[in-house]
Amino acid sequence: MSPVQQRGLALWAALLSAVVCLDFLPVARLVSVLLLLIVLGGILAFWTVASRRAEHDVTLCPDDLPEATYCQPVVLVCGDLPLAWPQPSPVLTVTQGCWIRVENGHDLGQAARQVLWLRPDWGRQLSVMISVCPQKHADSEALTSRLLPLRWQISQLRKETGHSVPLVLNGQVGSAMTNDMLWQAALPGECVRVWRESSAPASIAAWVTPGGAPVMQQQVLMNSLMSWLHQHVLAVFIDDNPDVPAVAPAALLWGMGPILAGSLASSAWTAWLSRHTAIPQVTGWQPVGTDSTVISSLPDFILPLLPEGSGLTPRARTWRSVLGLFTLAAIAALLSSGWNNRQLLHRVSFDIARYDSLSIDDYGPKANAVAVLRQDAAMLDDYARNGVPARLGLGLYLGERLRMPLLEAIRSYVPPPPEPQPSPKPVPKIVRLDSMSLFDSGKFELKAGSTKMLVNSLVGIKAKPGWLIVVSGHTDNTGNPQLNQTLSLKRAEAVRDWMRDTGDVPESCFAVQGYGESRPIATNDTPDGRALNRRVEISLVPQANACQIPGIHPAPSQDDGASLHNGE
């Protein structure tokens, strides 16, 4: 995958993360922003590490690998490699697959990572073959010390890549008993099969029966090689080890050819045969020579039995990653939307249940509960008119099923009865009479002709039990204040006497007051103001036990007549 494609994928992942975190996650806005920042930091860190690894590894990778769409098995070969590799390049592509030579077994993991960096889609088709030639090893213990690091590297490679990375163990010896390469293979769940270039694969019985004594000798040698592989090679990879996981091979091969370059005269193989068989006494059991120019063939027949790849191009792989990221984001958005709708359903249902649980006589809590229901209804109406928000969308919205129960609960609400209004406080009735219309200047005797004005003005002033008729006199500030106070009192008494005598009202119904110039209602600086201040005021004031008329019970203070106000 090119750097441009990597950047595009990183931006796509960042965009999807922003949409999911900000629009769908059922958390507070601050928490969603923090989660988004964490995800973006992870994306940036992953991209940075990948870019640095690319800069470090590309210089060490083979130059002639097959195309990225190559889907045949790819096998990393390490261990006792043939001295005569078919071509200068470490990559050998054949009809059935591709062999990649790893010179140093300690570089197996590094070589696998390099190949997977340039060909990321080769993970599922990548395998490892470890070749072991017992004739090249003088000591079995030293061989075990070389195989253990390979076991650890393969287990780490499986863990890092997440792929199975099948292991093929290949044991190979040379012997003059055969003129061409002879292979036998043991696959899990299958019987041992014989593979030769000159014939089709067959079972051991089908190969030995028609072959006679020479084939029997070859099979005895092959059986010894198989036993040696199980004890000194297979056991290294599958025995219990607390530090390194077991690596079970996908196939176990052992082969025999006419010659084997680099074989030792005295080796772990000869020692094994001397202890367990009599083959060293048989003429021709050793290789005929050690000519390094002879090409040792690789077991191409095992390639079709190894896993193949999908053959995706870098562009297809990029689109697959884009689709994968979108799928993950869609799943996260759907789960979040489902959770948000579930919370909405629970909250509104709880509000309805709480409203129904309250008594109709519990007016305060009932009014608060119905106010909450009206807020829920307004929210659902807004969703119905303007569209459902993204966090509740994606076809999972449950608000419509809540609207009718919500409206029915609101319609069932009965408001509390109105509270009784307090009776208005009685306002004293006041009648104002112009003193100059009733009296001569400086006098307190009623003028002739004033009776008609008194009768017209005092029609609404009637004696009532429980009411007090207050008559108060007022003057302007002209003259002596003491004399003005006396004059105002005398004028009030004159009006009181006229009302008492004319209306036959008991004197207990009256109260007379003289204020003189102390309570002006206008300015005394102008003639008009002084005229307004010269007045006699008559008012009805509720007072218990006032105006006791024989045979009539006192009326309540609010039982008054129509208010009467006569201005100047």
Protein backbone atom coordinates (compact mmCIF):
# COMPACT_ATOMS: atom_id res chain seq x y z
CA MET A 1 0.00 0.00 0.00
CA SER A 2 1.44 3.32 -1.06
CA PRO A 3 1.92 6.27 1.33
CA VAL A 4 -0.88 8.13 -0.46
CA GLN A 5 -3.26 5.25 0.16
CA GLN A 6 -2.16 5.09 3.78
CA ARG A 7 -2.87 8.79 4.25
CA GLY A 8 -6.25 8.40 2.61
CA LEU A 9 -7.15 5.52 4.91
CA ALA A 10 -6.02 7.51 7.95
CA LEU A 11 -8.19 10.48 6.92
CA TRP A 12 -11.14 8.17 6.23
CA ALA A 13 -10.76 6.55 9.65
CA ALA A 14 -10.53 10.00 11.29
CA LEU A 15 -13.70 11.17 9.50
CA LEU A 16 -15.70 8.09 10.49
CA SER A 17 -14.43 8.39 14.07
CA ALA A 18 -15.58 12.02 14.24
CA VAL A 19 -19.06 11.16 12.93
CA VAL A 20 -19.54 8.28 15.35
CA CYS A 21 -18.10 10.06 18.41
CA LEU A 22 -19.83 13.41 17.92
CA ASP A 23 -23.22 12.29 16.55
CA PHE A 24 -23.97 8.82 17.89
CA LEU A 25 -22.15 7.91 21.11
CA PRO A 26 -24.54 7.96 24.11
CA VAL A 27 -22.22 10.08 26.26
CA ALA A 28 -21.87 13.72 27.18
CA ARG A 29 -20.38 16.08 24.60
CA LEU A 30 -17.17 16.56 26.58
CA VAL A 31 -16.67 12.80 26.92
CA SER A 32 -17.29 12.26 23.19
CA VAL A 33 -14.72 14.92 22.31
CA LEU A 34 -12.16 13.28 24.61
CA LEU A 35 -12.84 9.87 23.06
CA LEU A 36 -12.44 11.37 19.58
CA LEU A 37 -9.08 12.89 20.54
CA ILE A 38 -7.91 9.50 21.88
CA VAL A 39 -8.95 7.73 18.67
CA LEU A 40 -7.28 10.36 16.50
CA GLY A 41 -4.11 10.02 18.56
CA GLY A 42 -4.17 6.24 18.02
CA ILE A 43 -4.62 6.68 14.26
CA LEU A 44 -1.73 9.15 14.11
CA ALA A 45 0.53 6.86 16.17
CA PHE A 46 -0.28 3.83 14.01
CA TRP A 47 0.39 5.77 10.81
CA THR A 48 3.70 7.11 12.17
CA VAL A 49 4.92 3.66 13.21
CA ALA A 50 3.93 2.18 9.86
CA SER A 51 5.73 4.92 7.96
CA ARG A 52 8.93 4.49 9.97
CA ARG A 53 8.83 0.72 9.57
CA ALA A 54 8.46 1.14 5.83
CA GLU A 55 11.49 3.41 5.63
CA HIS A 56 13.55 0.89 7.62
CA ASP A 57 12.49 -2.35 5.95
CA VAL A 58 12.15 -1.67 2.26
CA THR A 59 15.90 -1.58 1.66
CA LEU A 60 16.27 -5.17 2.91
CA CYS A 61 13.45 -6.76 0.88
CA PRO A 62 14.01 -8.83 -2.32
CA ASP A 63 13.60 -6.97 -5.56
CA ASP A 64 12.02 -9.65 -7.73
CA LEU A 65 8.97 -10.78 -5.81
CA PRO A 66 5.89 -11.71 -7.87
CA GLU A 67 3.14 -9.14 -8.34
CA ALA A 68 0.89 -8.15 -5.47
CA THR A 69 -1.95 -10.11 -7.08
CA TYR A 70 0.05 -13.34 -6.86
CA CYS A 71 -2.09 -15.90 -5.02
CA GLN A 72 0.06 -19.07 -5.09
CA PRO A 73 1.72 -20.34 -1.87
CA VAL A 74 4.85 -18.46 -0.79
CA VAL A 75 7.34 -20.48 1.28
CA LEU A 76 10.28 -19.10 3.25
CA VAL A 77 13.05 -21.73 3.15
CA CYS A 78 15.68 -21.84 5.89
CA GLY A 79 17.86 -24.37 7.65
CA ASP A 80 20.28 -26.66 5.74
CA LEU A 81 19.82 -25.04 2.33
CA PRO A 82 21.10 -26.61 -0.86
CA LEU A 83 24.50 -25.27 -1.78
CA ALA A 84 23.41 -24.95 -5.39
CA TRP A 85 20.35 -22.65 -5.37
CA PRO A 86 18.76 -22.69 -8.84
CA GLN A 87 19.33 -18.94 -9.46
CA PRO A 88 21.25 -15.99 -8.02
CA SER A 89 18.13 -14.33 -6.65
CA PRO A 90 16.80 -15.64 -3.31
CA VAL A 91 13.34 -15.76 -4.90
CA LEU A 92 12.48 -18.81 -6.97
CA THR A 93 9.06 -18.80 -8.64
CA VAL A 94 7.77 -22.12 -9.98
CA THR A 95 4.45 -23.23 -11.41
CA GLN A 96 2.92 -24.26 -8.10
CA GLY A 97 4.25 -21.41 -5.92
CA CYS A 98 7.19 -19.32 -4.81
CA TRP A 99 10.28 -20.25 -2.74
CA ILE A 100 12.20 -17.52 -0.88
CA ARG A 101 15.60 -18.42 0.50
CA VAL A 102 16.53 -17.13 3.97
CA GLU A 103 20.28 -17.51 4.37
CA ASN A 104 20.39 -17.10 8.13
CA GLY A 105 17.76 -18.77 10.24
CA HIS A 106 17.96 -15.94 12.78
CA ASP A 107 16.61 -13.58 10.08
CA LEU A 108 13.46 -15.62 9.46
CA GLY A 109 11.11 -13.23 11.28
CA GLN A 110 12.72 -10.17 9.71
CA ALA A 111 12.47 -11.67 6.22
CA ALA A 112 8.77 -12.50 6.78
CA ARG A 113 8.02 -8.94 7.92
CA GLN A 114 9.83 -7.53 4.91
CA VAL A 115 7.83 -9.68 2.52
CA LEU A 116 4.54 -8.81 4.23
CA TRP A 117 5.37 -5.13 4.11
CA LEU A 118 5.73 -5.14 0.32
CA ARG A 119 2.96 -7.70 -0.14
CA PRO A 120 0.49 -7.17 2.72
CA ASP A 121 -2.04 -9.60 1.26
CA TRP A 122 0.39 -12.52 1.33
CA GLY A 123 -0.21 -13.24 4.99
CA ARG A 124 -2.65 -16.07 4.42
CA GLN A 125 -0.47 -17.74 1.75
CA LEU A 126 2.84 -17.43 3.60
CA SER A 127 4.47 -20.63 4.93
CA VAL A 128 7.85 -21.65 6.36
CA MET A 129 9.89 -24.72 5.44
CA ILE A 130 12.81 -25.76 7.65
CA SER A 131 15.21 -28.15 5.94
CA VAL A 132 17.37 -30.42 8.08
CA CYS A 133 20.13 -32.62 6.62
CA PRO A 134 21.39 -34.92 9.40
CA GLN A 135 24.50 -35.76 7.35
CA LYS A 136 25.61 -32.12 7.76
CA HIS A 137 25.47 -32.11 11.59
CA ALA A 138 28.08 -33.70 13.79
CA ASP A 139 26.12 -33.27 17.04
CA SER A 140 22.37 -33.60 17.69
CA GLU A 141 22.57 -31.25 20.68
CA ALA A 142 23.99 -28.47 18.52
CA LEU A 143 21.19 -29.05 16.01
CA THR A 144 18.58 -28.67 18.77
CA SER A 145 20.13 -25.35 19.85
CA ARG A 146 19.75 -24.11 16.23
CA LEU A 147 16.11 -25.23 15.91
CA LEU A 148 14.80 -23.70 19.14
CA PRO A 149 15.26 -20.07 17.93
CA LEU A 150 13.36 -20.99 14.78
CA ARG A 151 10.47 -22.28 16.88
CA TRP A 152 10.39 -19.00 18.79
CA GLN A 153 10.50 -16.91 15.59
CA ILE A 154 7.63 -18.82 13.99
CA SER A 155 5.46 -18.45 17.12
CA GLN A 156 6.19 -14.71 17.20
CA LEU A 157 5.46 -14.41 13.49
CA ARG A 158 2.06 -16.04 13.97
CA LYS A 159 1.29 -13.72 16.86
CA GLU A 160 2.33 -10.55 15.04
CA THR A 161 0.64 -11.26 11.71
CA GLY A 162 -2.45 -13.02 13.01
CA HIS A 163 -2.08 -15.70 10.34
CA SER A 164 -1.50 -19.43 10.76
CA VAL A 165 1.89 -19.45 8.87
CA PRO A 166 2.06 -23.25 8.31
CA LEU A 167 5.34 -25.01 9.08
CA VAL A 168 6.82 -27.71 6.86
CA LEU A 169 9.63 -29.81 8.33
CA ASN A 170 11.87 -31.33 5.66
CA GLY A 171 14.51 -33.97 6.40
CA GLN A 172 16.84 -34.89 3.55
CA VAL A 173 19.74 -37.33 3.16
CA GLY A 174 21.85 -38.64 0.34
CA SER A 175 22.26 -42.33 -0.56
CA ALA A 176 23.47 -44.38 -3.49
CA MET A 177 20.36 -46.59 -3.13
CA THR A 178 18.40 -44.33 -5.47
CA ASN A 179 19.12 -42.58 -8.76
CA ASP A 180 16.59 -39.76 -8.40
CA MET A 181 14.84 -37.80 -5.64
CA LEU A 182 12.52 -39.84 -3.47
CA TRP A 183 10.12 -38.08 -1.10
CA GLN A 184 7.69 -39.28 1.49
CA ALA A 185 5.20 -36.96 3.19
CA ALA A 186 3.03 -37.21 6.29
CA LEU A 187 0.07 -34.83 6.45
CA PRO A 188 -2.29 -34.55 9.43
CA GLY A 189 -5.18 -36.98 9.04
CA GLU A 190 -3.63 -38.78 6.05
CA CYS A 191 -1.40 -41.81 5.60
CA VAL A 192 2.20 -41.48 4.46
CA ARG A 193 2.48 -41.02 0.70
CA VAL A 194 5.44 -41.53 -1.64
CA TRP A 195 6.30 -38.77 -4.14
CA ARG A 196 8.66 -39.24 -7.09
CA GLU A 197 9.16 -37.17 -10.18
CA SER A 198 8.80 -40.20 -12.45
CA SER A 199 5.51 -41.48 -11.04
CA ALA A 200 2.28 -40.37 -9.47
CA PRO A 201 2.01 -40.21 -5.66
CA ALA A 202 1.18 -43.51 -4.04
CA SER A 203 0.98 -45.23 -0.70
CA ILE A 204 4.03 -47.00 0.75
CA ALA A 205 2.47 -50.42 0.19
CA ALA A 206 1.72 -49.66 -3.45
CA TRP A 207 5.31 -48.52 -3.95
CA VAL A 208 7.15 -51.26 -2.04
CA THR A 209 5.22 -54.31 -3.25
CA PRO A 210 6.28 -54.22 -6.91
CA GLY A 211 9.77 -52.81 -6.21
CA GLY A 212 11.50 -55.83 -4.71
CA ALA A 213 14.63 -55.82 -2.53
CA PRO A 214 16.09 -52.47 -3.69
CA VAL A 215 12.89 -50.66 -2.80
CA MET A 216 12.75 -52.49 0.52
CA GLN A 217 16.26 -51.23 1.31
CA GLN A 218 15.25 -47.70 0.38
CA GLN A 219 12.15 -47.92 2.58
CA VAL A 220 14.20 -49.14 5.55
CA LEU A 221 16.47 -46.14 5.15
CA MET A 222 13.46 -43.83 4.79
CA ASN A 223 11.89 -45.30 7.93
CA SER A 224 15.12 -44.64 9.82
CA LEU A 225 15.12 -41.05 8.56
CA MET A 226 11.50 -40.64 9.63
CA SER A 227 12.31 -41.95 13.13
CA TRP A 228 15.32 -39.64 13.38
CA LEU A 229 13.16 -36.62 12.32
CA HIS A 230 10.54 -37.42 14.96
CA GLN A 231 13.10 -37.71 17.73
CA HIS A 232 15.54 -34.90 16.90
CA VAL A 233 13.52 -32.38 14.87
CA LEU A 234 9.76 -32.74 15.38
CA ALA A 235 10.19 -33.08 19.15
CA VAL A 236 11.99 -29.72 19.28
CA PHE A 237 8.87 -27.97 17.88
CA ILE A 238 6.07 -29.79 19.71
CA ASP A 239 7.55 -30.66 23.13
CA ASP A 240 6.24 -28.69 26.11
CA ASN A 241 8.25 -25.58 26.78
CA PRO A 242 7.09 -22.92 29.27
CA ASP A 243 8.91 -20.16 27.40
CA VAL A 244 7.98 -20.89 23.76
CA PRO A 245 4.57 -22.07 22.45
CA ALA A 246 4.49 -25.34 20.56
CA VAL A 247 4.53 -25.12 16.75
CA ALA A 248 2.89 -28.15 15.19
CA PRO A 249 3.96 -28.69 11.56
CA ALA A 250 1.39 -28.77 8.78
CA ALA A 251 3.46 -31.37 6.92
CA LEU A 252 6.46 -33.60 7.65
CA LEU A 253 8.70 -34.52 4.69
CA TRP A 254 11.70 -36.74 4.39
CA GLY A 255 13.58 -37.22 1.19
CA MET A 256 16.52 -39.10 -0.24
CA GLY A 257 18.65 -38.37 -3.30
CA PRO A 258 21.69 -39.88 -4.96
CA ILE A 259 24.08 -37.22 -3.63
CA LEU A 260 24.04 -34.55 -0.93
CA ALA A 261 26.49 -31.67 -1.06
CA GLY A 262 28.27 -30.93 2.20
CA SER A 263 27.67 -34.29 3.90
CA LEU A 264 30.12 -35.34 6.63
CA ALA A 265 31.87 -38.67 6.79
CA SER A 266 30.98 -38.95 10.47
CA SER A 267 27.74 -37.23 11.45
CA ALA A 268 24.74 -37.48 13.74
CA TRP A 269 23.07 -39.49 10.97
CA THR A 270 25.77 -42.16 10.79
CA ALA A 271 25.82 -42.42 14.56
CA TRP A 272 22.06 -42.91 14.61
CA LEU A 273 22.17 -45.62 11.96
CA SER A 274 24.98 -47.43 13.75
CA ARG A 275 23.02 -47.55 17.01
CA HIS A 276 19.60 -48.44 15.59
CA THR A 277 20.07 -50.32 12.31
CA ALA A 278 22.48 -52.46 10.36
CA ILE A 279 22.31 -50.26 7.29
CA PRO A 280 25.95 -49.14 7.60
CA GLN A 281 26.83 -52.77 6.82
CA VAL A 282 24.94 -52.52 3.49
CA THR A 283 27.00 -51.61 0.45
CA GLY A 284 25.97 -48.33 -1.23
CA TRP A 285 24.00 -46.72 1.55
CA GLN A 286 26.16 -43.59 1.51
CA PRO A 287 25.95 -40.88 -1.21
CA VAL A 288 28.00 -41.47 -4.33
CA GLY A 289 29.69 -38.05 -4.04
CA THR A 290 29.52 -34.46 -2.87
CA ASP A 291 29.54 -32.56 -6.15
CA SER A 292 28.24 -29.12 -5.28
CA THR A 293 27.30 -28.41 -8.89
CA VAL A 294 24.49 -30.90 -8.76
CA ILE A 295 21.16 -29.13 -8.14
CA SER A 296 19.19 -30.46 -5.19
CA SER A 297 15.51 -30.18 -6.08
CA LEU A 298 12.95 -28.56 -3.77
CA PRO A 299 9.75 -30.46 -2.86
CA ASP A 300 7.48 -28.61 -5.31
CA PHE A 301 4.79 -31.23 -4.84
CA ILE A 302 4.01 -29.87 -1.36
CA LEU A 303 3.13 -26.39 -2.67
CA PRO A 304 -0.45 -27.21 -3.84
CA LEU A 305 -1.16 -28.56 -0.34
CA LEU A 306 -0.32 -25.20 1.29
CA PRO A 307 -2.82 -22.32 1.64
CA GLU A 308 -3.22 -19.86 -1.21
CA GLY A 309 -3.94 -16.12 -1.14
CA SER A 310 -6.78 -13.97 -2.41
CA GLY A 311 -4.72 -12.15 -5.03
CA LEU A 312 -5.94 -8.63 -4.18
CA THR A 313 -4.30 -5.62 -5.79
CA PRO A 314 -3.13 -2.71 -3.60
CA ARG A 315 -6.10 -0.70 -4.83
CA ALA A 316 -8.51 -3.53 -4.03
CA ARG A 317 -6.91 -3.94 -0.64
CA THR A 318 -7.31 -0.22 -0.01
CA TRP A 319 -10.99 -0.37 -0.94
CA ARG A 320 -11.41 -3.42 1.24
CA SER A 321 -9.90 -1.48 4.14
CA VAL A 322 -12.18 1.47 3.39
CA LEU A 323 -15.20 -0.83 3.42
CA GLY A 324 -13.98 -2.51 6.60
CA LEU A 325 -13.59 0.81 8.40
CA PHE A 326 -17.03 1.91 7.20
CA THR A 327 -18.53 -1.35 8.43
CA LEU A 328 -16.98 -0.90 11.87
CA ALA A 329 -18.22 2.69 12.03
CA ALA A 330 -21.71 1.62 10.90
CA ILE A 331 -21.84 -1.08 13.57
CA ALA A 332 -20.74 1.41 16.24
CA ALA A 333 -23.32 3.95 15.01
CA LEU A 334 -26.12 1.35 14.98
CA LEU A 335 -25.28 0.16 18.48
CA SER A 336 -25.14 3.74 19.75
CA SER A 337 -28.42 4.67 18.04
CA GLY A 338 -30.11 1.59 19.50
CA TRP A 339 -28.88 2.48 22.98
CA ASN A 340 -30.00 6.13 22.61
CA ASN A 341 -33.49 5.04 21.50
CA ARG A 342 -33.67 2.60 24.38
CA GLN A 343 -32.79 5.40 26.81
CA LEU A 344 -35.43 7.68 25.22
CA LEU A 345 -38.07 4.95 25.56
CA HIS A 346 -37.18 4.32 29.20
CA ARG A 347 -37.13 8.03 30.11
CA VAL A 348 -40.50 8.92 28.56
CA SER A 349 -42.09 5.72 29.89
CA PHE A 350 -40.79 6.57 33.35
CA ASP A 351 -42.26 10.10 33.10
CA ILE A 352 -45.67 8.66 32.13
CA ALA A 353 -45.57 6.05 34.90
CA ARG A 354 -44.60 8.69 37.47
CA TYR A 355 -47.49 10.92 36.35
CA ASP A 356 -49.96 8.03 36.57
CA SER A 357 -48.74 7.08 40.05
CA LEU A 358 -49.57 10.49 41.51
CA SER A 359 -52.98 11.10 43.06
CA ILE A 360 -55.27 13.58 41.32
CA ASP A 361 -55.58 15.45 44.63
CA ASP A 362 -51.79 15.90 44.86
CA TYR A 363 -52.01 19.12 42.88
CA GLY A 364 -48.39 20.38 43.11
CA PRO A 365 -46.48 17.20 42.11
CA LYS A 366 -49.20 16.39 39.55
CA ALA A 367 -48.74 19.79 37.89
CA ASN A 368 -44.94 19.32 37.83
CA ALA A 369 -45.31 15.84 36.32
CA VAL A 370 -47.63 17.03 33.55
CA ALA A 371 -45.20 19.88 32.81
CA VAL A 372 -42.48 17.24 32.23
CA LEU A 373 -44.87 15.32 29.95
CA ARG A 374 -45.54 18.46 27.93
CA GLN A 375 -41.78 18.96 27.48
CA ASP A 376 -41.47 15.34 26.25
CA ALA A 377 -44.39 15.87 23.87
CA ALA A 378 -42.86 19.09 22.51
CA MET A 379 -39.58 17.25 21.91
CA LEU A 380 -41.29 14.38 20.04
CA ASP A 381 -43.36 16.88 18.00
CA ASP A 382 -40.19 18.69 17.03
CA TYR A 383 -38.65 15.38 15.89
CA ALA A 384 -41.81 14.63 13.84
CA ARG A 385 -41.78 18.05 12.14
CA ASN A 386 -38.08 18.73 11.66
CA GLY A 387 -36.60 15.26 11.45
CA VAL A 388 -35.04 12.84 13.91
CA PRO A 389 -31.48 13.71 15.06
CA ALA A 390 -28.67 11.46 13.87
CA ARG A 391 -28.08 9.92 17.30
CA LEU A 392 -31.63 8.48 17.22
CA GLY A 393 -31.79 7.72 13.51
CA LEU A 394 -30.63 4.91 11.23
CA GLY A 395 -34.13 3.40 11.22
CA LEU A 396 -34.15 2.68 14.97
CA TYR A 397 -36.25 5.66 16.14
CA LEU A 398 -38.85 4.66 18.77
CA GLY A 399 -40.40 8.04 19.50
CA GLU A 400 -43.53 7.58 17.35
CA ARG A 401 -44.82 4.75 19.50
CA LEU A 402 -44.59 7.05 22.53
CA ARG A 403 -46.59 10.01 21.21
CA MET A 404 -50.13 8.61 21.67
CA PRO A 405 -49.60 7.34 25.26
CA LEU A 406 -47.96 10.66 26.06
CA LEU A 407 -50.84 12.73 24.64
CA GLU A 408 -53.44 10.56 26.40
CA ALA A 409 -51.68 11.10 29.72
CA ILE A 410 -51.60 14.87 29.14
CA ARG A 411 -55.32 14.95 28.20
CA SER A 412 -56.21 13.11 31.40
CA TYR A 413 -54.81 15.93 33.54
CA VAL A 414 -57.44 17.76 35.64
CA PRO A 415 -56.26 21.18 36.83
CA PRO A 416 -56.81 22.09 40.50
CA PRO A 417 -59.93 24.13 41.41
CA PRO A 418 -59.41 27.89 41.52
CA GLU A 419 -58.48 29.31 44.88
CA PRO A 420 -61.09 31.64 46.53
CA GLN A 421 -60.33 35.27 45.91
CA PRO A 422 -60.03 37.46 49.07
CA SER A 423 -62.78 39.99 49.53
CA PRO A 424 -61.66 43.51 48.73
CA LYS A 425 -61.05 45.66 51.71
CA PRO A 426 -63.81 48.23 52.05
CA VAL A 427 -62.77 51.66 50.96
CA PRO A 428 -64.21 54.54 52.96
CA LYS A 429 -66.77 56.64 51.03
CA ILE A 430 -65.80 60.27 50.98
CA VAL A 431 -67.98 63.29 50.04
CA ARG A 432 -66.22 66.64 49.77
CA LEU A 433 -68.20 69.86 50.25
CA ASP A 434 -66.89 73.31 49.43
CA SER A 435 -66.88 75.32 52.62
CA MET A 436 -67.47 78.60 50.77
CA SER A 437 -70.68 77.15 49.33
CA LEU A 438 -71.95 76.26 52.83
CA PHE A 439 -70.52 79.02 55.02
CA ASP A 440 -69.66 82.65 54.84
CA SER A 441 -66.02 83.59 55.23
CA GLY A 442 -64.90 83.11 58.81
CA LYS A 443 -68.36 81.78 59.85
CA PHE A 444 -69.57 78.31 60.85
CA GLU A 445 -73.37 78.76 60.46
CA LEU A 446 -74.84 77.16 57.34
CA LYS A 447 -75.89 79.72 54.77
CA ALA A 448 -79.43 80.02 53.63
CA GLY A 449 -79.91 77.93 50.48
CA SER A 450 -77.20 75.44 51.31
CA THR A 451 -79.75 72.78 52.23
CA LYS A 452 -80.41 71.83 48.62
CA MET A 453 -76.68 71.25 47.96
CA LEU A 454 -76.37 69.18 51.16
CA VAL A 455 -79.33 67.01 50.21
CA ASN A 456 -77.97 66.38 46.67
CA SER A 457 -74.47 65.63 47.88
CA LEU A 458 -75.36 63.36 50.81
CA VAL A 459 -77.84 61.03 49.10
CA GLY A 460 -75.42 58.06 49.40
CA ILE A 461 -74.47 58.77 53.00
CA LYS A 462 -76.84 56.68 55.11
CA ALA A 463 -76.54 55.58 58.65
CA LYS A 464 -75.87 51.82 58.97
CA PRO A 465 -75.15 49.69 61.98
CA GLY A 466 -71.44 49.00 62.17
CA TRP A 467 -70.52 52.08 60.16
CA LEU A 468 -69.31 55.41 61.48
CA ILE A 469 -70.09 58.71 59.72
CA VAL A 470 -66.91 60.77 60.01
CA VAL A 471 -67.28 64.54 59.40
CA SER A 472 -63.99 66.45 59.16
CA GLY A 473 -63.39 70.12 58.53
CA HIS A 474 -60.40 71.68 56.72
CA THR A 475 -59.21 75.24 55.99
CA ASP A 476 -56.44 76.91 54.04
CA ASN A 477 -53.41 78.51 55.69
CA THR A 478 -54.80 81.99 55.72
CA GLY A 479 -54.99 83.46 59.24
CA ASN A 480 -54.14 82.04 62.65
CA PRO A 481 -53.62 78.28 62.69
CA GLN A 482 -55.39 77.86 66.05
CA LEU A 483 -58.38 79.82 64.88
CA ASN A 484 -58.43 77.86 61.63
CA GLN A 485 -58.49 74.60 63.57
CA THR A 486 -61.39 75.79 65.72
CA LEU A 487 -63.23 77.07 62.65
CA SER A 488 -62.84 73.76 60.86
CA LEU A 489 -64.20 71.84 63.86
CA LYS A 490 -67.19 74.17 64.19
CA ARG A 491 -68.05 73.81 60.52
CA ALA A 492 -67.87 70.01 60.83
CA GLU A 493 -70.18 70.10 63.83
CA ALA A 494 -72.63 72.28 61.91
CA VAL A 495 -72.82 69.75 59.07
CA ARG A 496 -73.13 66.91 61.61
CA ASP A 497 -75.99 68.66 63.37
CA TRP A 498 -77.83 69.22 60.09
CA MET A 499 -77.49 65.53 59.10
CA ARG A 500 -78.53 64.36 62.58
CA ASP A 501 -81.57 66.56 62.72
CA THR A 502 -82.61 66.12 59.12
CA GLY A 503 -82.16 62.34 58.88
CA ASP A 504 -83.04 61.49 62.45
CA VAL A 505 -79.69 59.75 62.87
CA PRO A 506 -78.42 58.99 66.37
CA GLU A 507 -75.47 61.04 67.42
CA SER A 508 -73.52 57.80 68.09
CA CYS A 509 -73.27 57.33 64.32
CA PHE A 510 -71.10 60.43 63.97
CA ALA A 511 -67.51 61.36 64.61
CA VAL A 512 -66.46 65.02 64.20
CA GLN A 513 -62.90 66.14 63.52
CA GLY A 514 -61.31 69.53 62.84
CA TYR A 515 -57.94 69.52 61.07
CA GLY A 516 -57.59 73.21 60.23
CA GLU A 517 -54.85 73.76 57.68
CA SER A 518 -52.85 70.57 58.56
CA ARG A 519 -54.13 68.36 55.70
CA PRO A 520 -54.17 70.31 52.45
CA ILE A 521 -55.03 68.53 49.19
CA ALA A 522 -53.63 71.32 47.02
CA THR A 523 -51.10 74.10 47.24
CA ASN A 524 -51.94 77.13 49.35
CA ASP A 525 -49.88 79.42 47.11
CA THR A 526 -52.67 80.00 44.59
CA PRO A 527 -56.29 81.09 44.99
CA ASP A 528 -57.56 77.90 43.34
CA GLY A 529 -55.47 75.72 45.64
CA ARG A 530 -56.67 77.54 48.74
CA ALA A 531 -60.28 77.13 47.54
CA LEU A 532 -59.77 73.36 47.28
CA ASN A 533 -58.30 73.18 50.78
CA ARG A 534 -61.36 74.93 52.30
CA ARG A 535 -63.67 71.93 52.53
CA VAL A 536 -65.78 69.60 54.66
CA GLU A 537 -65.34 65.85 54.09
CA ILE A 538 -67.94 63.22 55.01
CA SER A 539 -67.00 59.50 54.87
CA LEU A 540 -68.32 56.13 56.00
CA VAL A 541 -65.80 54.07 57.97
CA PRO A 542 -66.53 50.50 59.17
CA GLN A 543 -66.21 50.24 62.92
CA ALA A 544 -67.56 47.59 65.24
CA ASN A 545 -70.39 48.62 67.57
CA ALA A 546 -70.74 51.98 65.80
CA CYS A 547 -74.12 53.55 65.02
CA GLN A 548 -76.29 51.26 67.21
CA ILE A 549 -79.82 51.82 65.91
CA PRO A 550 -82.43 50.24 68.17
CA GLY A 551 -83.90 47.04 66.58
CA ILE A 552 -81.22 46.73 63.84
CA HIS A 553 -78.23 44.39 64.18
CA PRO A 554 -74.81 45.60 63.06
CA ALA A 555 -74.01 44.77 59.45
CA PRO A 556 -70.64 43.33 58.43
CA SER A 557 -68.09 45.85 57.32
CA GLN A 558 -68.24 44.72 53.71
CA ASP A 559 -72.00 45.35 53.47
CA ASP A 560 -71.70 48.85 52.25
CA GLY A 561 -73.49 50.73 49.57
CA ALA A 562 -72.15 51.93 46.30
CA SER A 563 -69.06 54.05 46.57
CA LEU A 564 -69.71 57.70 46.11
CA HIS A 565 -67.03 60.22 45.33
CA ASN A 566 -67.78 63.82 44.48
CA GLY A 567 -64.80 65.99 43.60
CA GLU A 568 -64.53 69.69 43.84
